[in-house]
Amino acid sequence: MEQAFTIGAVVLALLSIFKLIGAVNSFSEKFTGPLNELKIAIQRLNDSIEHLIKDSEVLKDKITKHGQEIHHLNSRMDKVELKMDMYHKEDK
């Protein structure tokens, strides 16, 4: 009889331990699930920000290049206007 009681107590203890482990795992998933989703969302935001920074650097380079081209064209236009003024003065 004592042997049956001991086996029953051990089986009951093992079942209790497994149930406790299962409860802790489900409890921890309830808290770690949203944290994992938050980490994923933050990583997506970081990736998007890095992509935007790279795009802005490309656009900045293009704008700088176009600004230099516009400055060069303005210089050439000023020279053309000066020559036109000189030609018109000679005709008068």
N, C-alpha and C. Protein backbone atom coordinates (compact mmCIF):
# COMPACT_ATOMS: atom_id res chain seq x y z
N MET A 1 0.81 -1.18 0.00
CA MET A 1 0.00 0.00 0.00
C MET A 1 0.86 1.26 0.00
N GLU A 2 1.92 1.23 0.78
CA GLU A 2 2.81 2.37 0.80
C GLU A 2 3.46 2.59 -0.55
N GLN A 3 3.77 1.51 -1.21
CA GLN A 3 4.40 1.59 -2.52
C GLN A 3 3.46 2.24 -3.53
N ALA A 4 2.20 1.90 -3.52
CA ALA A 4 1.21 2.48 -4.42
C ALA A 4 1.03 3.96 -4.12
N PHE A 5 1.02 4.30 -2.85
CA PHE A 5 0.89 5.71 -2.46
C PHE A 5 2.10 6.52 -2.94
N THR A 6 3.28 5.97 -2.81
CA THR A 6 4.50 6.65 -3.25
C THR A 6 4.49 6.84 -4.75
N ILE A 7 4.11 5.80 -5.50
CA ILE A 7 4.04 5.91 -6.97
C ILE A 7 3.00 6.93 -7.36
N GLY A 8 1.88 6.94 -6.70
CA GLY A 8 0.82 7.92 -6.98
C GLY A 8 1.29 9.34 -6.70
N ALA A 9 2.01 9.51 -5.59
CA ALA A 9 2.51 10.83 -5.24
C ALA A 9 3.53 11.32 -6.26
N VAL A 10 4.42 10.41 -6.70
CA VAL A 10 5.42 10.79 -7.71
C VAL A 10 4.73 11.16 -9.02
N VAL A 11 3.75 10.35 -9.45
CA VAL A 11 3.03 10.65 -10.69
C VAL A 11 2.29 11.98 -10.56
N LEU A 12 1.67 12.21 -9.43
CA LEU A 12 0.95 13.47 -9.21
C LEU A 12 1.93 14.65 -9.22
N ALA A 13 3.08 14.48 -8.61
CA ALA A 13 4.09 15.54 -8.60
C ALA A 13 4.59 15.83 -10.01
N LEU A 14 4.86 14.77 -10.79
CA LEU A 14 5.31 14.97 -12.18
C LEU A 14 4.25 15.68 -13.00
N LEU A 15 3.00 15.28 -12.86
CA LEU A 15 1.92 15.95 -13.59
C LEU A 15 1.82 17.42 -13.19
N SER A 16 1.96 17.69 -11.90
CA SER A 16 1.90 19.08 -11.43
C SER A 16 3.06 19.90 -12.01
N ILE A 17 4.24 19.31 -12.05
CA ILE A 17 5.40 20.02 -12.60
C ILE A 17 5.19 20.32 -14.08
N PHE A 18 4.71 19.32 -14.84
CA PHE A 18 4.47 19.53 -16.28
C PHE A 18 3.39 20.58 -16.52
N LYS A 19 2.35 20.56 -15.70
CA LYS A 19 1.29 21.57 -15.83
C LYS A 19 1.84 22.96 -15.50
N LEU A 20 2.68 23.04 -14.48
CA LEU A 20 3.27 24.32 -14.11
C LEU A 20 4.17 24.84 -15.24
N ILE A 21 4.97 23.97 -15.84
CA ILE A 21 5.82 24.36 -16.96
C ILE A 21 4.97 24.84 -18.13
N GLY A 22 3.89 24.12 -18.43
CA GLY A 22 2.99 24.53 -19.51
C GLY A 22 2.36 25.88 -19.24
N ALA A 23 1.95 26.11 -17.99
CA ALA A 23 1.34 27.39 -17.63
C ALA A 23 2.34 28.53 -17.75
N VAL A 24 3.57 28.29 -17.32
CA VAL A 24 4.61 29.32 -17.41
C VAL A 24 4.91 29.63 -18.88
N ASN A 25 4.98 28.60 -19.71
CA ASN A 25 5.24 28.83 -21.14
C ASN A 25 4.12 29.63 -21.79
N SER A 26 2.87 29.27 -21.52
CA SER A 26 1.77 30.02 -22.13
C SER A 26 1.71 31.44 -21.59
N PHE A 27 2.03 31.60 -20.29
CA PHE A 27 2.04 32.93 -19.69
C PHE A 27 3.15 33.79 -20.30
N SER A 28 4.32 33.18 -20.51
CA SER A 28 5.43 33.94 -21.07
C SER A 28 5.18 34.28 -22.53
N GLU A 29 4.49 33.43 -23.28
CA GLU A 29 4.17 33.72 -24.68
C GLU A 29 3.23 34.90 -24.80
N LYS A 30 2.35 35.05 -23.82
CA LYS A 30 1.43 36.20 -23.84
C LYS A 30 2.19 37.52 -23.71
N PHE A 31 3.31 37.49 -23.00
CA PHE A 31 4.09 38.71 -22.82
C PHE A 31 5.18 38.85 -23.87
N THR A 32 5.78 37.75 -24.29
CA THR A 32 6.86 37.86 -25.26
C THR A 32 6.34 38.01 -26.68
N GLY A 33 5.12 37.56 -26.95
CA GLY A 33 4.55 37.71 -28.29
C GLY A 33 4.47 39.16 -28.73
N PRO A 34 3.82 40.03 -27.95
CA PRO A 34 3.76 41.44 -28.33
C PRO A 34 5.15 42.10 -28.38
N LEU A 35 6.05 41.67 -27.51
CA LEU A 35 7.40 42.23 -27.55
C LEU A 35 8.11 41.85 -28.84
N ASN A 36 7.93 40.62 -29.27
CA ASN A 36 8.53 40.19 -30.53
C ASN A 36 7.95 40.95 -31.71
N GLU A 37 6.63 41.17 -31.68
CA GLU A 37 5.99 41.95 -32.75
C GLU A 37 6.52 43.38 -32.74
N LEU A 38 6.73 43.92 -31.55
CA LEU A 38 7.27 45.28 -31.44
C LEU A 38 8.69 45.34 -31.99
N LYS A 39 9.49 44.33 -31.69
CA LYS A 39 10.86 44.29 -32.21
C LYS A 39 10.84 44.23 -33.73
N ILE A 40 9.93 43.45 -34.30
CA ILE A 40 9.82 43.35 -35.76
C ILE A 40 9.41 44.69 -36.35
N ALA A 41 8.45 45.35 -35.72
CA ALA A 41 8.00 46.65 -36.21
C ALA A 41 9.12 47.68 -36.13
N ILE A 42 9.89 47.66 -35.06
CA ILE A 42 11.01 48.59 -34.92
C ILE A 42 12.06 48.32 -35.98
N GLN A 43 12.33 47.05 -36.26
CA GLN A 43 13.32 46.71 -37.29
C GLN A 43 12.84 47.19 -38.66
N ARG A 44 11.55 47.04 -38.94
CA ARG A 44 11.01 47.54 -40.21
C ARG A 44 11.16 49.06 -40.31
N LEU A 45 10.89 49.74 -39.21
CA LEU A 45 11.05 51.20 -39.20
C LEU A 45 12.50 51.60 -39.42
N ASN A 46 13.42 50.89 -38.77
CA ASN A 46 14.84 51.18 -38.97
C ASN A 46 15.24 50.97 -40.42
N ASP A 47 14.76 49.87 -41.03
CA ASP A 47 15.07 49.61 -42.43
C ASP A 47 14.50 50.71 -43.33
N SER A 48 13.27 51.14 -43.03
CA SER A 48 12.66 52.20 -43.83
C SER A 48 13.43 53.51 -43.69
N ILE A 49 13.86 53.82 -42.49
CA ILE A 49 14.62 55.06 -42.26
C ILE A 49 15.95 55.01 -43.00
N GLU A 50 16.63 53.86 -42.95
CA GLU A 50 17.90 53.72 -43.67
C GLU A 50 17.69 53.89 -45.17
N HIS A 51 16.60 53.32 -45.68
CA HIS A 51 16.29 53.46 -47.11
C HIS A 51 16.03 54.92 -47.46
N LEU A 52 15.27 55.61 -46.61
CA LEU A 52 14.98 57.03 -46.86
C LEU A 52 16.25 57.88 -46.81
N ILE A 53 17.16 57.55 -45.90
CA ILE A 53 18.42 58.29 -45.81
C ILE A 53 19.24 58.10 -47.08
N LYS A 54 19.30 56.86 -47.57
CA LYS A 54 20.05 56.60 -48.81
C LYS A 54 19.42 57.34 -49.98
N ASP A 55 18.08 57.32 -50.06
CA ASP A 55 17.40 58.05 -51.13
C ASP A 55 17.66 59.55 -51.04
N SER A 56 17.65 60.09 -49.82
CA SER A 56 17.87 61.53 -49.68
C SER A 56 19.30 61.89 -50.06
N GLU A 57 20.26 61.01 -49.79
CA GLU A 57 21.64 61.29 -50.19
C GLU A 57 21.76 61.30 -51.71
N VAL A 58 21.08 60.37 -52.38
CA VAL A 58 21.10 60.33 -53.85
C VAL A 58 20.47 61.61 -54.40
N LEU A 59 19.32 61.99 -53.83
CA LEU A 59 18.65 63.22 -54.28
C LEU A 59 19.50 64.45 -54.01
N LYS A 60 20.19 64.47 -52.88
CA LYS A 60 21.06 65.61 -52.55
C LYS A 60 22.19 65.72 -53.58
N ASP A 61 22.77 64.59 -53.96
CA ASP A 61 23.82 64.60 -54.98
C ASP A 61 23.29 65.10 -56.32
N LYS A 62 22.09 64.65 -56.68
CA LYS A 62 21.49 65.09 -57.94
C LYS A 62 21.21 66.59 -57.92
N ILE A 63 20.68 67.07 -56.81
CA ILE A 63 20.36 68.49 -56.70
C ILE A 63 21.64 69.32 -56.78
N THR A 64 22.69 68.87 -56.12
CA THR A 64 23.97 69.58 -56.17
C THR A 64 24.49 69.63 -57.60
N LYS A 65 24.42 68.50 -58.28
CA LYS A 65 24.90 68.44 -59.67
C LYS A 65 24.07 69.36 -60.56
N HIS A 66 22.76 69.31 -60.39
CA HIS A 66 21.90 70.17 -61.21
C HIS A 66 22.13 71.65 -60.90
N GLY A 67 22.38 71.95 -59.63
CA GLY A 67 22.68 73.34 -59.26
C GLY A 67 23.95 73.83 -59.93
N GLN A 68 24.96 72.98 -60.00
CA GLN A 68 26.20 73.36 -60.68
C GLN A 68 25.95 73.56 -62.17
N GLU A 69 25.14 72.67 -62.76
CA GLU A 69 24.83 72.82 -64.19
C GLU A 69 24.05 74.11 -64.44
N ILE A 70 23.12 74.44 -63.57
CA ILE A 70 22.35 75.68 -63.73
C ILE A 70 23.27 76.89 -63.60
N HIS A 71 24.19 76.86 -62.64
CA HIS A 71 25.14 77.96 -62.49
C HIS A 71 25.99 78.12 -63.75
N HIS A 72 26.43 76.99 -64.30
CA HIS A 72 27.23 77.04 -65.53
C HIS A 72 26.39 77.61 -66.69
N LEU A 73 25.14 77.18 -66.79
CA LEU A 73 24.28 77.70 -67.86
C LEU A 73 23.99 79.18 -67.67
N ASN A 74 23.83 79.62 -66.44
CA ASN A 74 23.62 81.05 -66.19
C ASN A 74 24.84 81.86 -66.61
N SER A 75 26.03 81.32 -66.36
CA SER A 75 27.25 82.02 -66.79
C SER A 75 27.29 82.14 -68.30
N ARG A 76 26.97 81.06 -68.96
CA ARG A 76 26.96 81.09 -70.43
C ARG A 76 25.90 82.05 -70.95
N MET A 77 24.74 82.08 -70.29
CA MET A 77 23.67 82.96 -70.72
C MET A 77 24.07 84.42 -70.54
N ASP A 78 24.74 84.71 -69.44
CA ASP A 78 25.22 86.07 -69.22
C ASP A 78 26.19 86.49 -70.33
N LYS A 79 27.07 85.60 -70.74
CA LYS A 79 28.01 85.90 -71.81
C LYS A 79 27.27 86.13 -73.13
N VAL A 80 26.25 85.33 -73.40
CA VAL A 80 25.47 85.50 -74.63
C VAL A 80 24.74 86.83 -74.60
N GLU A 81 24.16 87.18 -73.46
CA GLU A 81 23.45 88.46 -73.35
C GLU A 81 24.43 89.63 -73.53
N LEU A 82 25.59 89.51 -72.98
CA LEU A 82 26.60 90.56 -73.14
C LEU A 82 26.97 90.72 -74.60
N LYS A 83 27.18 89.61 -75.30
CA LYS A 83 27.51 89.67 -76.72
C LYS A 83 26.36 90.26 -77.52
N MET A 84 25.13 89.89 -77.17
CA MET A 84 23.97 90.44 -77.88
C MET A 84 23.90 91.95 -77.69
N ASP A 85 24.14 92.40 -76.45
CA ASP A 85 24.13 93.84 -76.18
C ASP A 85 25.21 94.55 -77.00
N MET A 86 26.38 93.91 -77.09
CA MET A 86 27.47 94.52 -77.86
C MET A 86 27.10 94.59 -79.34
N TYR A 87 26.49 93.57 -79.88
CA TYR A 87 26.10 93.58 -81.29
C TYR A 87 25.03 94.62 -81.57
N HIS A 88 24.09 94.76 -80.65
CA HIS A 88 23.03 95.75 -80.83
C HIS A 88 23.59 97.17 -80.74
N LYS A 89 24.57 97.39 -79.90
CA LYS A 89 25.17 98.73 -79.81
C LYS A 89 25.94 99.08 -81.07
N GLU A 90 26.56 98.08 -81.69
CA GLU A 90 27.32 98.32 -82.91
C GLU A 90 26.39 98.67 -84.07
N ASP A 91 25.19 98.10 -84.09
CA ASP A 91 24.24 98.37 -85.17
C ASP A 91 23.68 99.77 -85.09
N LYS A 92 23.63 100.36 -83.96
CA LYS A 92 23.02 101.68 -83.82
C LYS A 92 23.95 102.74 -84.20
